[in-house]
C-alpha atoms as a PDB file:
ATOM      1  CA  MET A   1      59.826-124.163 122.618  1.00  0.00           C
ATOM      2  CA  GLY A   2      63.196-124.513 124.291  1.00  0.00           C
ATOM      3  CA  LEU A   3      65.730-121.864 125.049  1.00  0.00           C
ATOM      4  CA  SER A   4      69.161-121.788 123.496  1.00  0.00           C
ATOM      5  CA  ASN A   5      72.195-122.095 125.750  1.00  0.00           C
ATOM      6  CA  LYS A   6      72.880-118.377 125.323  1.00  0.00           C
ATOM      7  CA  GLN A   7      69.343-117.504 126.443  1.00  0.00           C
ATOM      8  CA  LYS A   8      69.551-119.860 129.425  1.00  0.00           C
ATOM      9  CA  LYS A   9      72.816-118.276 130.506  1.00  0.00           C
ATOM     10  CA  PHE A  10      71.348-114.770 130.125  1.00  0.00           C
ATOM     11  CA  TYR A  11      68.299-115.547 132.257  1.00  0.00           C
ATOM     12  CA  LYS A  12      70.374-117.305 134.913  1.00  0.00           C
ATOM     13  CA  ASN A  13      72.526-114.160 135.188  1.00  0.00           C
ATOM     14  CA  TRP A  14      69.403-111.991 135.195  1.00  0.00           C
ATOM     15  CA  GLU A  15      68.669-113.105 138.761  1.00  0.00           C
ATOM     16  CA  LYS A  16      71.682-111.055 139.912  1.00  0.00           C
ATOM     17  CA  ARG A  17      71.157-108.136 137.533  1.00  0.00           C
ATOM     18  CA  ARG A  18      67.511-107.597 138.362  1.00  0.00           C
ATOM     19  CA  LYS A  19      68.421-106.637 141.926  1.00  0.00           C
ATOM     20  CA  HIS A  20      70.281-103.558 140.624  1.00  0.00           C
ATOM     21  CA  LYS A  21      67.669-101.752 138.555  1.00  0.00           C
ATOM     22  CA  LEU A  22      69.279 -98.310 138.894  1.00  0.00           C
ATOM     23  CA  ARG A  23      72.651 -99.642 137.772  1.00  0.00           C
ATOM     24  CA  TYR A  24      70.980-101.250 134.747  1.00  0.00           C
ATOM     25  CA  LEU A  25      69.266 -97.959 133.851  1.00  0.00           C
ATOM     26  CA  LEU A  26      72.477 -95.975 134.220  1.00  0.00           C
ATOM     27  CA  ILE A  27      74.638 -98.347 132.210  1.00  0.00           C
ATOM     28  CA  HIS A  28      72.193 -99.206 129.446  1.00  0.00           C
ATOM     29  CA  GLY A  29      70.347 -95.905 129.385  1.00  0.00           C
ATOM     30  CA  VAL A  30      72.940 -93.248 130.065  1.00  0.00           C
ATOM     31  CA  LEU A  31      76.162 -94.831 128.906  1.00  0.00           C
ATOM     32  CA  PHE A  32      75.065 -96.882 125.924  1.00  0.00           C
ATOM     33  CA  GLN A  33      72.101 -94.918 124.618  1.00  0.00           C
ATOM     34  CA  GLY A  34      73.155 -91.471 125.866  1.00  0.00           C
ATOM     35  CA  LEU A  35      76.616 -91.572 124.353  1.00  0.00           C
ATOM     36  CA  LEU A  36      75.396 -93.121 121.117  1.00  0.00           C
ATOM     37  CA  ILE A  37      72.556 -90.644 120.615  1.00  0.00           C
ATOM     38  CA  GLY A  38      74.754 -87.740 121.744  1.00  0.00           C
ATOM     39  CA  PHE A  39      77.451 -88.462 119.194  1.00  0.00           C
ATOM     40  CA  LEU A  40      75.026 -89.257 116.380  1.00  0.00           C
ATOM     41  CA  LEU A  41      72.961 -86.113 116.903  1.00  0.00           C
ATOM     42  CA  GLU A  42      76.031 -83.888 117.271  1.00  0.00           C
ATOM     43  CA  PHE A  43      77.504 -85.129 114.025  1.00  0.00           C
ATOM     44  CA  ALA A  44      74.156 -85.097 112.217  1.00  0.00           C
ATOM     45  CA  MET A  45      73.308 -81.545 113.305  1.00  0.00           C
ATOM     46  CA  ALA A  46      76.785 -80.085 112.959  1.00  0.00           C
ATOM     47  CA  GLU A  47      77.479 -77.752 110.105  1.00  0.00           C
ATOM     48  CA  TYR A  48      80.483 -78.653 108.026  1.00  0.00           C
ATOM     49  CA  THR A  49      82.806 -75.960 109.318  1.00  0.00           C
ATOM     50  CA  PHE A  50      86.123 -75.979 111.115  1.00  0.00           C
ATOM     51  CA  ALA A  51      84.244 -76.214 114.413  1.00  0.00           C
ATOM     52  CA  PHE A  52      82.783 -79.561 113.433  1.00  0.00           C
ATOM     53  CA  PHE A  53      82.446 -80.989 116.942  1.00  0.00           C
ATOM     54  CA  GLU A  54      81.330 -78.616 119.670  1.00  0.00           C
ATOM     55  CA  PHE A  55      81.478 -79.966 123.175  1.00  0.00           C
ATOM     56  CA  SER A  56      78.596 -77.780 124.367  1.00  0.00           C
ATOM     57  CA  GLY A  57      76.369 -79.158 121.618  1.00  0.00           C
ATOM     58  CA  PHE A  58      77.386 -82.691 122.500  1.00  0.00           C
ATOM     59  CA  ILE A  59      76.498 -82.167 126.182  1.00  0.00           C
ATOM     60  CA  GLY A  60      72.984 -81.060 125.254  1.00  0.00           C
ATOM     61  CA  TYR A  61      72.490 -84.024 122.942  1.00  0.00           C
ATOM     62  CA  PHE A  62      74.015 -86.348 125.530  1.00  0.00           C
ATOM     63  CA  VAL A  63      71.500 -85.193 128.156  1.00  0.00           C
ATOM     64  CA  LEU A  64      68.652 -85.623 125.679  1.00  0.00           C
ATOM     65  CA  GLY A  65      69.965 -89.046 124.646  1.00  0.00           C
ATOM     66  CA  SER A  66      70.380 -90.070 128.273  1.00  0.00           C
ATOM     67  CA  LEU A  67      66.782 -89.206 129.098  1.00  0.00           C
ATOM     68  CA  ILE A  68      65.509 -91.091 126.068  1.00  0.00           C
ATOM     69  CA  GLY A  69      67.916 -93.952 126.824  1.00  0.00           C
ATOM     70  CA  MET A  70      66.788 -94.254 130.441  1.00  0.00           C
ATOM     71  CA  ILE A  71      63.155 -94.454 129.358  1.00  0.00           C
ATOM     72  CA  TYR A  72      64.060 -97.093 126.783  1.00  0.00           C
ATOM     73  CA  ALA A  73      66.183 -99.031 129.304  1.00  0.00           C
ATOM     74  CA  TYR A  74      63.364 -98.884 131.866  1.00  0.00           C
ATOM     75  CA  PHE A  75      60.879-100.500 129.491  1.00  0.00           C
ATOM     76  CA  GLN A  76      63.515-102.988 128.339  1.00  0.00           C
ATOM     77  CA  PHE A  77      64.196-103.904 131.988  1.00  0.00           C
ATOM     78  CA  LYS A  78      60.488-104.405 132.655  1.00  0.00           C
ATOM     79  CA  ARG A  79      60.093-106.595 129.540  1.00  0.00           C
ATOM     80  CA  ILE A  80      63.086-108.791 130.389  1.00  0.00           C
ATOM     81  CA  ASP A  81      62.014-109.069 134.026  1.00  0.00           C
ATOM     82  CA  ARG A  82      58.463-110.016 133.012  1.00  0.00           C
ATOM     83  CA  ASP A  83      59.802-112.728 130.691  1.00  0.00           C
ATOM     84  CA  TYR A  84      62.142-113.932 133.436  1.00  0.00           C
ATOM     85  CA  LYS A  85      59.298-114.236 135.950  1.00  0.00           C
ATOM     86  CA  LEU A  86      57.130-116.133 133.463  1.00  0.00           C
ATOM     87  CA  MET A  87      59.949-118.553 132.689  1.00  0.00           C
ATOM     88  CA  LYS A  88      60.726-118.954 136.375  1.00  0.00           C
ATOM     89  CA  GLU A  89      57.085-119.781 137.128  1.00  0.00           C
ATOM     90  CA  GLY A  90      56.931-122.237 134.237  1.00  0.00           C
ATOM     91  CA  GLU A  91      60.280-123.702 135.329  1.00  0.00           C
ATOM     92  CA  ILE A  92      61.718-123.266 131.848  1.00  0.00           C
ATOM     93  CA  ILE A  93      64.949-121.949 133.337  1.00  0.00           C
END
């Protein structure tokens, strides 16, 4: 089973990215997941009043989303790195 060009490019760039695990966790966990979950939970939990978006509520959901996002990003990092090492050993990439 061969890799597509997009997959080959991703795994070639992974060599650089894998050296910065904390940066990966912060960007993918806190920024992407934290902001997304924070906004979604704030809007889902908000009552339909004039104070529809409360910043204090968003901060709490953002922190919760960031923690969940960092855990998710950690396991995603480990999965991608494991696949990268297997492909590197098998000289697929």
